[in-house]
Amino acid sequence: MLYFLRGECKIDIEIFEPTSNIRLHSPEPERTEELIKYDAIKLIMKNNSADELTKADEYTPRTIGYSGEENILNLCFNQQLSPGNYSLSISYETNIINIKA
């Protein structure tokens, strides 16, 4: 029997101007703390020469917020993110036994 659902989403992002936050459209999470493991959200700058991922340019959000009014997930980073190509990786896990139908 299946009790847990685990997955990972990878999103390619191009940043055009320096910024310290990323805002994404997202449906309202019912139990964000249980569904998304915050330490499992990583932003990695790609190597411009071959679009390869490097550990040296890996960022973890300082805070994660959600605006139900706008349906926006807001990721705030301690560092200023330079213009360039990035890969945003979000891992999630939920107990599907407790999901309401």
N, C-alpha and C. Protein backbone atom coordinates (compact mmCIF):
# COMPACT_ATOMS: atom_id res chain seq x y z
N MET A 1 0.84 -1.18 0.00
CA MET A 1 0.00 0.00 0.00
C MET A 1 0.89 1.24 0.00
N LEU A 2 0.50 2.26 -0.72
CA LEU A 2 1.25 3.51 -0.85
C LEU A 2 0.82 4.48 0.24
N TYR A 3 1.77 4.94 1.07
CA TYR A 3 1.47 5.86 2.16
C TYR A 3 2.02 7.26 1.93
N PHE A 4 3.17 7.36 1.24
CA PHE A 4 3.81 8.65 1.04
C PHE A 4 3.97 8.94 -0.44
N LEU A 5 3.89 10.21 -0.78
CA LEU A 5 4.14 10.67 -2.14
C LEU A 5 5.36 11.58 -2.08
N ARG A 6 6.39 11.23 -2.83
CA ARG A 6 7.61 12.03 -2.88
C ARG A 6 7.85 12.45 -4.31
N GLY A 7 8.38 13.64 -4.47
CA GLY A 7 8.68 14.11 -5.81
C GLY A 7 9.66 15.27 -5.79
N GLU A 8 10.09 15.63 -6.98
CA GLU A 8 10.99 16.76 -7.14
C GLU A 8 10.62 17.49 -8.42
N CYS A 9 10.64 18.80 -8.34
CA CYS A 9 10.34 19.65 -9.49
C CYS A 9 11.58 20.49 -9.77
N LYS A 10 12.02 20.51 -11.02
CA LYS A 10 13.16 21.35 -11.41
C LYS A 10 12.68 22.36 -12.44
N ILE A 11 13.00 23.62 -12.18
CA ILE A 11 12.55 24.72 -13.03
C ILE A 11 13.78 25.50 -13.49
N ASP A 12 13.92 25.68 -14.80
CA ASP A 12 15.00 26.51 -15.33
C ASP A 12 14.55 27.97 -15.29
N ILE A 13 15.42 28.82 -14.73
CA ILE A 13 15.10 30.24 -14.55
C ILE A 13 16.24 31.08 -15.13
N GLU A 14 15.88 32.15 -15.81
CA GLU A 14 16.88 33.13 -16.25
C GLU A 14 16.61 34.43 -15.51
N ILE A 15 17.61 34.91 -14.77
CA ILE A 15 17.51 36.16 -14.03
C ILE A 15 18.17 37.25 -14.87
N PHE A 16 17.44 38.34 -15.11
CA PHE A 16 17.94 39.42 -15.97
C PHE A 16 18.57 40.56 -15.19
N GLU A 17 18.13 40.78 -13.93
CA GLU A 17 18.65 41.85 -13.09
C GLU A 17 18.96 41.29 -11.71
N PRO A 18 19.95 41.85 -10.99
CA PRO A 18 20.24 41.36 -9.64
C PRO A 18 18.99 41.41 -8.77
N THR A 19 18.80 40.36 -7.97
CA THR A 19 17.62 40.27 -7.10
C THR A 19 17.96 39.36 -5.92
N SER A 20 17.18 39.46 -4.85
CA SER A 20 17.36 38.55 -3.72
C SER A 20 16.10 37.73 -3.45
N ASN A 21 15.10 37.84 -4.34
CA ASN A 21 13.93 36.98 -4.17
C ASN A 21 13.37 36.52 -5.51
N ILE A 22 12.66 35.40 -5.45
CA ILE A 22 12.00 34.81 -6.62
C ILE A 22 10.55 34.58 -6.24
N ARG A 23 9.63 35.02 -7.09
CA ARG A 23 8.20 34.85 -6.84
C ARG A 23 7.62 33.96 -7.93
N LEU A 24 6.88 32.92 -7.50
CA LEU A 24 6.30 31.95 -8.43
C LEU A 24 4.80 31.84 -8.20
N HIS A 25 4.03 31.74 -9.28
CA HIS A 25 2.60 31.43 -9.13
C HIS A 25 2.48 30.01 -8.60
N SER A 26 1.58 29.82 -7.63
CA SER A 26 1.44 28.52 -6.98
C SER A 26 0.03 28.39 -6.41
N PRO A 27 -0.57 27.20 -6.52
CA PRO A 27 -1.85 27.00 -5.83
C PRO A 27 -1.61 27.05 -4.33
N GLU A 28 -2.65 27.39 -3.58
CA GLU A 28 -2.50 27.53 -2.14
C GLU A 28 -2.18 26.18 -1.49
N PRO A 29 -1.04 26.10 -0.80
CA PRO A 29 -0.71 24.84 -0.12
C PRO A 29 -1.56 24.70 1.14
N GLU A 30 -2.08 23.51 1.39
CA GLU A 30 -2.90 23.29 2.59
C GLU A 30 -2.02 23.18 3.83
N ARG A 31 -0.93 22.45 3.72
CA ARG A 31 -0.03 22.23 4.85
C ARG A 31 1.41 22.38 4.34
N THR A 32 1.82 23.61 4.08
CA THR A 32 3.13 23.84 3.47
C THR A 32 4.25 23.18 4.27
N GLU A 33 4.24 23.31 5.60
CA GLU A 33 5.32 22.77 6.41
C GLU A 33 5.44 21.25 6.26
N GLU A 34 4.31 20.58 6.09
CA GLU A 34 4.33 19.13 5.95
C GLU A 34 4.60 18.69 4.51
N LEU A 35 4.23 19.51 3.55
CA LEU A 35 4.34 19.12 2.15
C LEU A 35 5.71 19.40 1.57
N ILE A 36 6.23 20.60 1.81
CA ILE A 36 7.52 20.98 1.24
C ILE A 36 8.55 21.06 2.35
N LYS A 37 9.65 20.36 2.19
CA LYS A 37 10.74 20.46 3.14
C LYS A 37 11.60 21.65 2.72
N TYR A 38 11.60 22.69 3.55
CA TYR A 38 12.26 23.93 3.17
C TYR A 38 13.74 23.76 2.88
N ASP A 39 14.42 22.86 3.58
CA ASP A 39 15.84 22.67 3.32
C ASP A 39 16.06 21.91 2.01
N ALA A 40 14.98 21.47 1.37
CA ALA A 40 15.09 20.75 0.10
C ALA A 40 14.79 21.66 -1.09
N ILE A 41 14.78 22.98 -0.86
CA ILE A 41 14.63 23.93 -1.97
C ILE A 41 16.01 24.51 -2.24
N LYS A 42 16.49 24.32 -3.44
CA LYS A 42 17.83 24.78 -3.82
C LYS A 42 17.76 25.54 -5.13
N LEU A 43 18.55 26.59 -5.23
CA LEU A 43 18.72 27.33 -6.47
C LEU A 43 20.19 27.22 -6.83
N ILE A 44 20.47 26.71 -8.02
CA ILE A 44 21.86 26.48 -8.43
C ILE A 44 22.12 27.25 -9.72
N MET A 45 23.18 28.07 -9.70
CA MET A 45 23.55 28.81 -10.91
C MET A 45 24.23 27.86 -11.87
N LYS A 46 23.82 27.92 -13.13
CA LYS A 46 24.41 27.06 -14.15
C LYS A 46 25.69 27.69 -14.70
N ASN A 47 26.64 26.85 -15.04
CA ASN A 47 27.87 27.28 -15.67
C ASN A 47 27.53 27.77 -17.07
N ASN A 48 27.82 29.02 -17.37
CA ASN A 48 27.43 29.60 -18.66
C ASN A 48 28.04 28.89 -19.86
N SER A 49 29.21 28.26 -19.69
CA SER A 49 29.86 27.65 -20.85
C SER A 49 29.12 26.41 -21.34
N ALA A 50 28.60 25.60 -20.43
CA ALA A 50 27.95 24.36 -20.86
C ALA A 50 26.64 24.09 -20.14
N ASP A 51 26.11 25.11 -19.42
CA ASP A 51 24.89 24.95 -18.63
C ASP A 51 25.00 23.80 -17.63
N GLU A 52 26.19 23.58 -17.10
CA GLU A 52 26.39 22.54 -16.10
C GLU A 52 26.16 23.14 -14.72
N LEU A 53 25.63 22.33 -13.81
CA LEU A 53 25.38 22.80 -12.46
C LEU A 53 26.66 22.71 -11.64
N THR A 54 26.91 23.73 -10.80
CA THR A 54 28.08 23.72 -9.94
C THR A 54 27.64 23.90 -8.50
N LYS A 55 28.29 23.19 -7.56
CA LYS A 55 27.95 23.30 -6.14
C LYS A 55 28.36 24.66 -5.58
N ALA A 56 29.35 25.32 -6.18
CA ALA A 56 29.85 26.59 -5.67
C ALA A 56 28.78 27.67 -5.70
N ASP A 57 27.86 27.58 -6.61
CA ASP A 57 26.82 28.60 -6.77
C ASP A 57 25.45 28.05 -6.37
N GLU A 58 25.36 27.43 -5.19
CA GLU A 58 24.11 26.85 -4.70
C GLU A 58 23.55 27.74 -3.60
N TYR A 59 22.26 28.05 -3.68
CA TYR A 59 21.61 28.94 -2.73
C TYR A 59 20.38 28.26 -2.13
N THR A 60 20.13 28.52 -0.84
CA THR A 60 18.94 28.03 -0.15
C THR A 60 18.16 29.25 0.34
N PRO A 61 16.84 29.28 0.18
CA PRO A 61 16.08 30.45 0.62
C PRO A 61 16.20 30.67 2.13
N ARG A 62 16.31 31.94 2.52
CA ARG A 62 16.33 32.32 3.93
C ARG A 62 14.92 32.20 4.50
N THR A 63 13.94 32.69 3.74
CA THR A 63 12.54 32.59 4.15
C THR A 63 11.69 32.20 2.94
N ILE A 64 10.57 31.57 3.24
CA ILE A 64 9.60 31.18 2.21
C ILE A 64 8.24 31.66 2.68
N GLY A 65 7.57 32.44 1.84
CA GLY A 65 6.26 32.94 2.19
C GLY A 65 5.25 32.63 1.10
N TYR A 66 3.98 32.77 1.47
CA TYR A 66 2.92 32.52 0.49
C TYR A 66 1.86 33.60 0.63
N SER A 67 1.47 34.21 -0.48
CA SER A 67 0.38 35.18 -0.51
C SER A 67 -0.85 34.51 -1.11
N GLY A 68 -1.83 34.22 -0.26
CA GLY A 68 -3.07 33.60 -0.74
C GLY A 68 -3.88 34.54 -1.62
N GLU A 69 -3.72 35.84 -1.38
CA GLU A 69 -4.45 36.84 -2.16
C GLU A 69 -3.97 36.85 -3.62
N GLU A 70 -2.65 36.68 -3.80
CA GLU A 70 -2.07 36.70 -5.15
C GLU A 70 -1.76 35.31 -5.69
N ASN A 71 -1.83 34.27 -4.82
CA ASN A 71 -1.41 32.91 -5.18
C ASN A 71 0.05 32.89 -5.62
N ILE A 72 0.91 33.50 -4.79
CA ILE A 72 2.33 33.63 -5.09
C ILE A 72 3.16 33.01 -3.97
N LEU A 73 4.12 32.16 -4.35
CA LEU A 73 5.11 31.62 -3.43
C LEU A 73 6.34 32.51 -3.54
N ASN A 74 6.80 33.05 -2.40
CA ASN A 74 7.91 34.01 -2.40
C ASN A 74 9.13 33.38 -1.72
N LEU A 75 10.21 33.23 -2.48
CA LEU A 75 11.47 32.69 -1.96
C LEU A 75 12.44 33.85 -1.79
N CYS A 76 12.90 34.09 -0.54
CA CYS A 76 13.83 35.19 -0.25
C CYS A 76 15.19 34.60 0.12
N PHE A 77 16.23 35.12 -0.50
CA PHE A 77 17.59 34.62 -0.29
C PHE A 77 18.43 35.66 0.45
N ASN A 78 19.44 35.20 1.23
CA ASN A 78 20.36 36.11 1.91
C ASN A 78 21.27 36.82 0.91
N GLN A 79 21.62 36.12 -0.15
CA GLN A 79 22.56 36.64 -1.13
C GLN A 79 21.82 37.35 -2.27
N GLN A 80 22.53 38.30 -2.86
CA GLN A 80 22.05 38.93 -4.09
C GLN A 80 22.33 37.96 -5.23
N LEU A 81 21.33 37.61 -6.01
CA LEU A 81 21.49 36.69 -7.13
C LEU A 81 21.86 37.49 -8.37
N SER A 82 22.97 37.12 -8.99
CA SER A 82 23.45 37.81 -10.19
C SER A 82 22.65 37.37 -11.40
N PRO A 83 22.60 38.20 -12.43
CA PRO A 83 21.96 37.77 -13.68
C PRO A 83 22.62 36.51 -14.22
N GLY A 84 21.81 35.63 -14.80
CA GLY A 84 22.32 34.38 -15.35
C GLY A 84 21.26 33.30 -15.36
N ASN A 85 21.68 32.10 -15.71
CA ASN A 85 20.78 30.94 -15.78
C ASN A 85 20.90 30.11 -14.52
N TYR A 86 19.75 29.71 -13.98
CA TYR A 86 19.69 28.96 -12.73
C TYR A 86 18.76 27.76 -12.90
N SER A 87 18.91 26.81 -11.99
CA SER A 87 17.99 25.68 -11.89
C SER A 87 17.42 25.69 -10.47
N LEU A 88 16.09 25.80 -10.35
CA LEU A 88 15.42 25.79 -9.06
C LEU A 88 14.88 24.39 -8.83
N SER A 89 15.28 23.78 -7.73
CA SER A 89 14.87 22.41 -7.40
C SER A 89 14.05 22.43 -6.12
N ILE A 90 12.83 21.89 -6.18
CA ILE A 90 11.94 21.83 -5.02
C ILE A 90 11.57 20.37 -4.79
N SER A 91 11.96 19.84 -3.63
CA SER A 91 11.59 18.47 -3.25
C SER A 91 10.40 18.54 -2.31
N TYR A 92 9.51 17.57 -2.42
CA TYR A 92 8.34 17.56 -1.55
C TYR A 92 8.01 16.13 -1.15
N GLU A 93 7.28 16.03 -0.05
CA GLU A 93 6.85 14.74 0.47
C GLU A 93 5.57 14.97 1.26
N THR A 94 4.61 14.08 1.09
CA THR A 94 3.37 14.18 1.85
C THR A 94 2.83 12.80 2.18
N ASN A 95 2.12 12.71 3.27
CA ASN A 95 1.46 11.48 3.67
C ASN A 95 0.10 11.47 2.98
N ILE A 96 -0.09 10.60 1.99
CA ILE A 96 -1.33 10.62 1.20
C ILE A 96 -2.52 10.03 1.94
N ILE A 97 -2.28 9.36 3.05
CA ILE A 97 -3.38 8.82 3.85
C ILE A 97 -4.22 9.97 4.42
N ASN A 98 -3.56 11.10 4.76
CA ASN A 98 -4.24 12.22 5.40
C ASN A 98 -4.79 13.25 4.43
N ILE A 99 -4.64 13.05 3.14
CA ILE A 99 -5.13 14.01 2.15
C ILE A 99 -6.65 13.90 2.05
N LYS A 100 -7.31 15.06 2.11
CA LYS A 100 -8.78 15.08 1.99
C LYS A 100 -9.17 14.91 0.53
N ALA A 101 -10.21 14.14 0.29
CA ALA A 101 -10.68 13.91 -1.10
C ALA A 101 -11.49 15.06 -1.59
